[in-house]
Amino acid sequence: MGRVTFHDPETSPRRAARAEAERRATAAITLPETRMDADEAPSRRDLRSRTSAPGIPRLAAIPLLVRRRIAVAALALVVVASGAVAIGAAVASGQTPTAEPQAAAAIAGPPAVPAEGLPVPVIAEAPAPKSPCDDPAFTSALASGDDGATIAAIGGGEAFRSAVASGIAPCVSLADATRQWVVVNKQRPYDPANYRPNDLVMPNGVRALEDSALRQRAADALSKLVQAAEDAGAGEIGYLSAFRSYETQQKTYAARVSVGGVAEADKESARAGFSEHQSGLAVDIVPCSRSCGTLDDVGGSTQGAWVRDHAWEYGFITRYVDGRIDVTGYEPEPWHLRYIGPELAKAYHDGGYTTLEEFFGLPAAPTY
C-alpha cells in the first residue's frame, strides 16, 4: 500500500496566496482609530465587512428570504408604475379604462335599496282539488238516485270515498238515508227519526226466521251471497232480523235495558232512531243446517268464516268488529252485516278499514 500524505490547509499554496491578497487589501484601507486591547486583533471577517461603502450592507450579508422579498416588492413597484402610465395615456387620449366585471362590482358594492323597499316574493298557491260536484256527469248521476252510476261517474269506490272523506264533495250527504253510503251511529240519527224506506222486499232463496225485509238492492245481494256460500261448501246461511221500524226498535232497546241496564244495553242495542236496521240495509245472519243456530254461533261457524272473507264481494261489510268499541260504541257483532254496495265494499276491504267512520273520515261515535 502506498504512503498517504496529508497537507495542512494553512500551508497550501492557494491558501497562502489568498491570505497574502487579503493582507495587501487591508494595508491599503485607512481605518479609523479604534482603541483595542493589545490582544484583541481584528478578524478577517471584520476586515472584509469594513471594506463596504458606509451605510450600505453587503448583499451577501443579507439573508436569502429577505433578498427574495425585496425582489418581489421591486417587481410590484414596476407593475404599479406601468399601470399608472397606461391609465394616464388612456385618459389623455379621451378613453375610459375598463375593468373586469367582478372588479367593478367589488368597487361599486351592493345595489342601493329602492325607496319602496325590496320586492316580496310571491308564492303561488297550489290549485284546489277539483270537486266532483262541478262535474255535470257526476251531479246528473247523483240526482238520478242511482248509487252505482254515481260512484262509477267519479271513478270507482276509492275515488268516491276519497272525495267524500277529504271534503271536496259537499253535494254528497252521508246523512241521506236513501243512499247506500249513509252512516248511522250514536252521533248521527235519522232525519226524520221515524224514517222508513219504500222499497222493502224479502230476499229470494234465503231462510228468514222472522218476517223481516231488506231494501231491494240489499235483498238481491244477500240472495247471491247465500247461494255463493252454499256453492263453496260453507253451509247454509239464514237470517234472524233485517229491517226494524222506529217503533220496533223502541221495544227491542227497552227489552235490553230491562235485562242489563242502560249502560249495558247501549253496548248491544241501538236506541230508536239510531239503529242501522231502520235503514233496511242491515241484516243479522245465522248459520243453518237442518235448523238454524243463534247469533252467538256465527263467529265460530264455517258460515261465519266464509262471510268474513267474502262478504265484501257482494257489497256487505261486518259493521261492528272486535276491538273497535272505541269508535262504534258497540261490542263485536260478527253476525251484523251492512250493505254499502260492491264498489264501496271493495274499497273498504282493500283499504283495510274496520269502521265506516274511519272509511269516510268521520269522528268516532262511542256514546250518544
Protein backbone atom coordinates (compact mmCIF):
# COMPACT_ATOMS: atom_id res chain seq x y z
CA MET A 1 0.00 0.00 0.00
CA GLY A 2 1.31 3.47 -0.94
CA ARG A 3 2.03 6.11 1.62
CA VAL A 4 -0.68 8.75 2.14
CA THR A 5 0.49 12.33 2.58
CA PHE A 6 -1.77 14.82 4.45
CA HIS A 7 -1.46 18.50 3.57
CA ASP A 8 -2.00 21.17 6.16
CA PRO A 9 -4.61 23.55 4.68
CA GLU A 10 -2.92 26.50 6.35
CA THR A 11 0.26 25.78 4.41
CA SER A 12 -1.28 25.02 0.98
CA PRO A 13 -0.09 27.37 -1.83
CA ARG A 14 -3.68 28.52 -2.68
CA ARG A 15 -4.47 29.34 0.91
CA ALA A 16 -1.23 31.22 1.28
CA ALA A 17 -1.88 33.29 -1.86
CA ARG A 18 -5.36 34.31 -0.70
CA ALA A 19 -4.07 35.29 2.71
CA GLU A 20 -1.42 37.48 1.08
CA ALA A 21 -4.08 39.23 -1.08
CA GLU A 22 -6.19 39.95 1.94
CA ARG A 23 -3.23 41.34 3.78
CA ARG A 24 -2.38 43.77 0.98
CA ALA A 25 -6.03 44.92 0.64
CA THR A 26 -6.21 45.53 4.32
CA ALA A 27 -3.00 47.54 4.30
CA ALA A 28 -4.43 49.86 1.60
CA ILE A 29 -7.53 50.86 3.70
CA THR A 30 -7.26 53.70 6.18
CA LEU A 31 -9.25 52.71 9.23
CA PRO A 32 -10.48 54.99 11.96
CA GLU A 33 -8.55 54.72 15.07
CA THR A 34 -10.20 52.31 17.40
CA ARG A 35 -8.98 51.61 20.80
CA MET A 36 -8.35 47.96 21.24
CA ASP A 37 -6.69 45.92 23.69
CA ALA A 38 -3.36 44.65 22.62
CA ASP A 39 -4.61 41.12 22.46
CA GLU A 40 -7.86 41.95 20.50
CA ALA A 41 -6.71 41.81 16.89
CA PRO A 42 -9.37 42.24 14.17
CA SER A 43 -10.53 39.09 12.38
CA ARG A 44 -10.57 38.71 8.59
CA ARG A 45 -14.45 38.80 8.68
CA ASP A 46 -14.26 42.20 10.43
CA LEU A 47 -11.77 43.49 7.88
CA ARG A 48 -13.97 42.37 4.93
CA SER A 49 -17.11 44.00 6.36
CA ARG A 50 -15.25 47.31 6.76
CA THR A 51 -14.35 47.49 3.05
CA SER A 52 -18.08 48.05 2.09
CA ALA A 53 -19.44 51.56 1.47
CA PRO A 54 -20.62 53.29 4.65
CA GLY A 55 -24.37 52.64 5.49
CA ILE A 56 -24.89 50.00 2.73
CA PRO A 57 -24.84 46.36 3.81
CA ARG A 58 -23.12 43.89 1.60
CA LEU A 59 -25.65 41.76 -0.46
CA ALA A 60 -24.07 38.51 0.66
CA ALA A 61 -24.69 39.50 4.24
CA ILE A 62 -28.49 39.79 3.71
CA PRO A 63 -30.47 36.57 4.36
CA LEU A 64 -31.88 34.79 1.27
CA LEU A 65 -35.54 35.15 2.32
CA VAL A 66 -35.14 38.90 2.81
CA ARG A 67 -33.47 39.25 -0.57
CA ARG A 68 -36.44 37.42 -2.22
CA ARG A 69 -38.97 39.68 -0.56
CA ILE A 70 -37.05 42.75 -1.71
CA ALA A 71 -37.09 41.41 -5.29
CA VAL A 72 -40.89 40.80 -5.18
CA ALA A 73 -41.53 44.29 -3.81
CA ALA A 74 -39.40 45.80 -6.55
CA LEU A 75 -41.30 43.85 -9.21
CA ALA A 76 -44.63 45.04 -7.76
CA LEU A 77 -43.48 48.64 -7.89
CA VAL A 78 -42.60 48.19 -11.55
CA VAL A 79 -46.05 46.75 -12.33
CA VAL A 80 -47.87 49.54 -10.48
CA ALA A 81 -45.79 52.17 -12.24
CA SER A 82 -46.52 50.57 -15.63
CA GLY A 83 -50.27 50.53 -14.88
CA ALA A 84 -50.25 54.15 -13.86
CA VAL A 85 -48.52 55.11 -17.06
CA ALA A 86 -51.06 53.14 -19.14
CA ILE A 87 -54.06 54.72 -17.37
CA GLY A 88 -52.58 58.18 -17.79
CA ALA A 89 -52.11 57.57 -21.50
CA ALA A 90 -55.70 56.35 -21.88
CA VAL A 91 -57.12 59.39 -20.08
CA ALA A 92 -55.03 61.72 -22.20
CA SER A 93 -56.44 60.13 -25.38
CA GLY A 94 -60.08 60.50 -24.20
CA GLN A 95 -60.66 56.79 -23.48
CA THR A 96 -62.10 55.45 -20.26
CA PRO A 97 -60.24 52.47 -18.89
CA THR A 98 -62.43 49.39 -18.34
CA ALA A 99 -62.23 46.84 -15.56
CA GLU A 100 -63.32 43.31 -15.25
CA PRO A 101 -66.99 42.97 -14.22
CA GLN A 102 -66.07 41.28 -10.95
CA ALA A 103 -63.62 44.06 -10.04
CA ALA A 104 -66.15 46.77 -10.93
CA ALA A 105 -68.85 45.10 -8.85
CA ALA A 106 -66.47 44.82 -5.91
CA ILE A 107 -65.65 48.52 -6.09
CA ALA A 108 -69.25 49.64 -6.60
CA GLY A 109 -70.61 47.45 -3.77
CA PRO A 110 -74.20 46.08 -3.50
CA PRO A 111 -77.01 47.90 -5.32
CA ALA A 112 -78.91 50.51 -3.41
CA VAL A 113 -82.21 49.51 -1.79
CA PRO A 114 -85.10 51.26 -3.60
CA ALA A 115 -87.23 53.67 -1.61
CA GLU A 116 -90.26 51.37 -1.77
CA GLY A 117 -88.22 48.54 -0.30
CA LEU A 118 -87.17 45.17 -1.64
CA PRO A 119 -89.74 43.17 -3.62
CA VAL A 120 -91.55 40.46 -1.69
CA PRO A 121 -91.52 37.07 -3.44
CA VAL A 122 -94.99 35.79 -4.29
CA ILE A 123 -95.52 32.06 -3.79
CA ALA A 124 -98.34 30.72 -5.89
CA GLU A 125 -100.78 28.52 -4.01
CA ALA A 126 -101.39 25.00 -5.25
CA PRO A 127 -104.69 24.78 -7.09
CA ALA A 128 -107.54 23.36 -5.04
CA PRO A 129 -108.57 19.80 -5.92
CA LYS A 130 -111.37 19.71 -8.45
CA SER A 131 -114.71 18.92 -6.87
CA PRO A 132 -116.83 16.18 -8.45
CA CYS A 133 -119.78 18.38 -7.62
CA ASP A 134 -118.67 20.62 -10.52
CA ASP A 135 -118.88 17.71 -12.94
CA PRO A 136 -122.27 17.59 -14.71
CA ALA A 137 -121.94 13.85 -15.32
CA PHE A 138 -121.46 13.21 -11.60
CA THR A 139 -124.21 15.52 -10.41
CA SER A 140 -126.59 14.09 -13.00
CA ALA A 141 -125.96 10.54 -11.77
CA LEU A 142 -126.30 11.68 -8.16
CA ALA A 143 -129.63 13.35 -8.90
CA SER A 144 -130.95 10.22 -10.60
CA GLY A 145 -130.73 8.26 -7.34
CA ASP A 146 -128.60 5.54 -8.94
CA ASP A 147 -125.86 4.92 -6.38
CA GLY A 148 -123.85 2.60 -8.61
CA ALA A 149 -123.86 5.08 -11.50
CA THR A 150 -122.89 7.91 -9.16
CA ILE A 151 -119.86 6.01 -7.87
CA ALA A 152 -118.86 5.00 -11.39
CA ALA A 153 -119.10 8.61 -12.57
CA ILE A 154 -116.36 9.67 -10.16
CA GLY A 155 -114.07 6.77 -10.97
CA GLY A 156 -114.98 3.98 -8.56
CA GLY A 157 -115.34 3.25 -4.88
CA GLU A 158 -111.96 4.51 -3.67
CA ALA A 159 -112.27 7.75 -5.66
CA PHE A 160 -115.74 8.29 -4.16
CA ARG A 161 -114.51 7.56 -0.62
CA SER A 162 -111.52 9.86 -1.00
CA ALA A 163 -113.61 12.74 -2.34
CA VAL A 164 -116.14 12.47 0.47
CA ALA A 165 -113.55 11.98 3.24
CA SER A 166 -111.45 14.94 2.03
CA GLY A 167 -114.45 17.25 1.93
CA ILE A 168 -114.30 18.13 -1.78
CA ALA A 169 -117.69 16.51 -2.48
CA PRO A 170 -120.15 18.58 -0.41
CA CYS A 171 -123.01 17.56 -2.68
CA VAL A 172 -122.78 14.01 -1.26
CA SER A 173 -124.59 13.62 2.05
CA LEU A 174 -123.68 10.81 4.40
CA ALA A 175 -126.89 11.57 6.31
CA ASP A 176 -129.18 10.74 3.37
CA ALA A 177 -130.83 7.50 4.47
CA THR A 178 -131.97 6.75 0.91
CA ARG A 179 -128.36 6.24 -0.26
CA GLN A 180 -126.30 3.11 0.33
CA TRP A 181 -123.43 5.18 1.76
CA VAL A 182 -125.50 6.57 4.66
CA VAL A 183 -123.70 6.48 8.02
CA VAL A 184 -125.86 5.99 11.11
CA ASN A 185 -124.29 5.88 14.56
CA LYS A 186 -124.75 7.22 18.08
CA GLN A 187 -123.99 10.74 16.89
CA ARG A 188 -125.82 10.55 13.54
CA PRO A 189 -129.56 9.77 13.91
CA TYR A 190 -132.12 9.58 11.12
CA ASP A 191 -133.89 12.67 9.94
CA PRO A 192 -136.78 12.26 10.31
CA ALA A 193 -136.34 9.95 13.30
CA ASN A 194 -139.08 7.57 12.07
CA TYR A 195 -137.65 7.22 8.55
CA ARG A 196 -138.87 4.17 6.65
CA PRO A 197 -137.56 3.04 3.20
CA ASN A 198 -140.15 2.48 0.47
CA ASP A 199 -138.56 -0.45 -1.43
CA LEU A 200 -138.50 -3.23 1.19
CA VAL A 201 -138.67 -6.81 -0.13
CA MET A 202 -137.98 -10.29 1.16
CA PRO A 203 -134.75 -11.88 -0.15
CA ASN A 204 -135.26 -14.79 -2.52
CA GLY A 205 -133.90 -18.20 -1.55
CA VAL A 206 -132.85 -17.18 1.97
CA ARG A 207 -134.29 -18.73 5.13
CA ALA A 208 -135.81 -15.98 7.28
CA LEU A 209 -136.55 -16.61 10.95
CA GLU A 210 -138.73 -13.50 11.08
CA ASP A 211 -140.89 -11.68 8.58
CA SER A 212 -138.22 -9.04 8.09
CA ALA A 213 -137.39 -7.44 4.73
CA LEU A 214 -134.47 -5.54 3.16
CA ARG A 215 -134.22 -2.81 0.60
CA GLN A 216 -134.26 -4.18 -2.94
CA ARG A 217 -130.52 -3.85 -3.68
CA ALA A 218 -129.52 -5.32 -0.31
CA ALA A 219 -132.02 -8.18 -0.64
CA ASP A 220 -130.71 -9.14 -4.08
CA ALA A 221 -127.11 -9.03 -2.83
CA LEU A 222 -127.95 -11.20 0.19
CA SER A 223 -129.52 -13.85 -2.07
CA LYS A 224 -126.32 -14.01 -4.13
CA LEU A 225 -124.13 -14.19 -1.02
CA VAL A 226 -126.12 -17.06 0.49
CA GLN A 227 -126.03 -19.03 -2.76
CA ALA A 228 -122.26 -18.47 -3.15
CA ALA A 229 -121.59 -19.68 0.40
CA GLU A 230 -123.56 -22.85 -0.16
CA ASP A 231 -121.85 -23.47 -3.51
CA ALA A 232 -118.47 -23.07 -1.80
CA GLY A 233 -119.39 -25.74 0.77
CA ALA A 234 -119.56 -23.29 3.70
CA GLY A 235 -123.12 -24.29 4.55
CA GLU A 236 -126.48 -22.58 4.64
CA ILE A 237 -126.88 -19.03 5.84
CA GLY A 238 -130.20 -17.74 7.15
CA TYR A 239 -131.08 -14.50 8.89
CA LEU A 240 -132.85 -13.51 12.05
CA SER A 241 -133.61 -9.84 11.56
CA ALA A 242 -133.32 -7.17 8.87
CA PHE A 243 -135.45 -4.01 8.75
CA ARG A 244 -136.83 -2.75 12.04
CA SER A 245 -139.12 0.22 12.26
CA TYR A 246 -138.68 3.04 14.75
CA GLU A 247 -141.42 1.53 16.90
CA THR A 248 -139.94 -1.98 16.80
CA GLN A 249 -136.54 -0.62 17.79
CA GLN A 250 -138.05 1.13 20.78
CA LYS A 251 -139.32 -2.24 22.05
CA THR A 252 -136.03 -4.03 21.29
CA TYR A 253 -133.95 -1.47 23.15
CA ALA A 254 -136.32 -1.34 26.12
CA ALA A 255 -136.09 -5.11 26.47
CA ARG A 256 -132.28 -4.92 26.66
CA VAL A 257 -132.42 -2.15 29.24
CA SER A 258 -134.74 -4.21 31.42
CA VAL A 259 -132.21 -7.04 31.48
CA GLY A 260 -128.87 -5.26 31.99
CA GLY A 261 -129.50 -1.54 32.42
CA VAL A 262 -128.83 1.39 30.09
CA ALA A 263 -125.02 1.16 30.05
CA GLU A 264 -125.03 -2.49 29.01
CA ALA A 265 -127.92 -2.04 26.59
CA ASP A 266 -126.03 0.77 24.79
CA LYS A 267 -123.19 -1.65 24.03
CA GLU A 268 -125.50 -4.21 22.43
CA SER A 269 -128.53 -2.40 21.03
CA ALA A 270 -129.21 0.94 19.39
CA ARG A 271 -131.78 3.40 20.61
CA ALA A 272 -134.75 4.07 18.37
CA GLY A 273 -133.81 6.45 15.56
CA PHE A 274 -130.13 5.41 15.73
CA SER A 275 -130.29 1.79 14.51
CA GLU A 276 -128.78 0.62 11.21
CA HIS A 277 -131.65 -1.85 10.92
CA GLN A 278 -134.03 1.05 10.36
CA SER A 279 -132.21 1.82 7.07
CA GLY A 280 -133.20 -1.51 5.52
CA LEU A 281 -129.51 -2.07 4.66
CA ALA A 282 -128.51 -4.20 7.70
CA VAL A 283 -129.13 -7.87 8.42
CA ASP A 284 -128.31 -10.26 11.28
CA ILE A 285 -127.32 -13.65 9.82
CA VAL A 286 -127.31 -17.09 11.49
CA PRO A 287 -125.73 -20.44 10.49
CA CYS A 288 -128.21 -23.06 9.43
CA SER A 289 -128.22 -26.80 8.73
CA ARG A 290 -131.40 -28.70 9.36
CA SER A 291 -132.20 -25.95 11.81
CA CYS A 292 -130.61 -22.58 12.37
CA GLY A 293 -128.33 -21.59 15.20
CA THR A 294 -128.21 -18.36 17.17
CA LEU A 295 -126.40 -15.10 16.61
CA ASP A 296 -123.68 -16.20 19.02
CA ASP A 297 -122.99 -19.25 16.84
CA VAL A 298 -121.92 -17.19 13.82
CA GLY A 299 -118.38 -16.36 14.92
CA GLY A 300 -117.26 -19.97 15.27
CA SER A 301 -119.11 -21.42 12.29
CA THR A 302 -117.90 -22.24 8.80
CA GLN A 303 -120.54 -19.84 7.51
CA GLY A 304 -119.14 -17.06 9.68
CA ALA A 305 -115.59 -17.71 8.46
CA TRP A 306 -116.69 -17.63 4.83
CA VAL A 307 -118.62 -14.39 5.36
CA ARG A 308 -115.57 -12.69 6.93
CA ASP A 309 -113.55 -13.48 3.80
CA HIS A 310 -116.12 -12.98 1.05
CA ALA A 311 -118.99 -10.72 2.16
CA TRP A 312 -117.30 -7.68 0.60
CA GLU A 313 -117.52 -9.31 -2.83
CA TYR A 314 -121.32 -8.96 -2.58
CA GLY A 315 -121.38 -5.43 -1.17
CA PHE A 316 -121.52 -6.25 2.57
CA ILE A 317 -119.16 -5.41 5.45
CA THR A 318 -119.10 -6.59 9.05
CA ARG A 319 -120.12 -3.35 10.71
CA TYR A 320 -119.05 -3.99 14.31
CA VAL A 321 -115.75 -5.85 14.62
CA ASP A 322 -113.72 -6.83 17.65
CA GLY A 323 -111.64 -4.10 19.24
CA ARG A 324 -113.44 -1.06 17.74
CA ILE A 325 -115.88 -0.21 20.50
CA ASP A 326 -113.86 2.97 20.95
CA VAL A 327 -115.20 4.14 17.57
CA THR A 328 -118.59 2.48 17.18
CA GLY A 329 -119.66 2.12 20.81
CA TYR A 330 -120.78 -1.48 20.23
CA GLU A 331 -119.42 -4.87 21.25
CA PRO A 332 -118.32 -7.03 18.29
CA GLU A 333 -121.20 -8.47 16.26
CA PRO A 334 -119.89 -10.91 13.62
CA TRP A 335 -123.50 -11.54 12.57
CA HIS A 336 -124.35 -7.91 11.76
CA LEU A 337 -123.78 -7.25 8.05
CA ARG A 338 -124.24 -3.85 6.50
CA TYR A 339 -124.79 -3.34 2.76
CA ILE A 340 -122.80 -0.47 1.18
CA GLY A 341 -122.62 -1.75 -2.41
CA PRO A 342 -119.90 -3.74 -4.18
CA GLU A 343 -117.82 -0.70 -5.25
CA LEU A 344 -117.55 0.78 -1.76
CA ALA A 345 -117.20 -2.64 -0.12
CA LYS A 346 -114.19 -3.38 -2.32
CA ALA A 347 -112.56 -0.06 -1.36
CA TYR A 348 -113.34 -0.81 2.29
CA HIS A 349 -111.76 -4.27 2.06
CA ASP A 350 -108.75 -3.21 0.00
CA GLY A 351 -108.05 -0.27 2.31
CA GLY A 352 -108.13 -2.45 5.43
CA TYR A 353 -110.83 -0.35 7.11
CA THR A 354 -112.75 -1.67 10.10
CA THR A 355 -115.33 1.08 10.65
CA LEU A 356 -117.44 3.26 8.36
CA GLU A 357 -116.44 6.25 10.47
CA GLU A 358 -112.79 5.90 9.50
CA PHE A 359 -113.69 4.95 5.95
CA PHE A 360 -115.44 8.28 5.39
CA GLY A 361 -113.23 10.38 7.70
CA LEU A 362 -115.90 10.88 10.37
CA PRO A 363 -115.26 11.29 14.09
CA ALA A 364 -115.67 8.35 16.43
CA ALA A 365 -119.11 7.94 17.99
CA PRO A 366 -118.81 5.64 21.02
CA THR A 367 -121.55 7.41 23.00
CA TYR A 368 -124.78 9.28 22.47
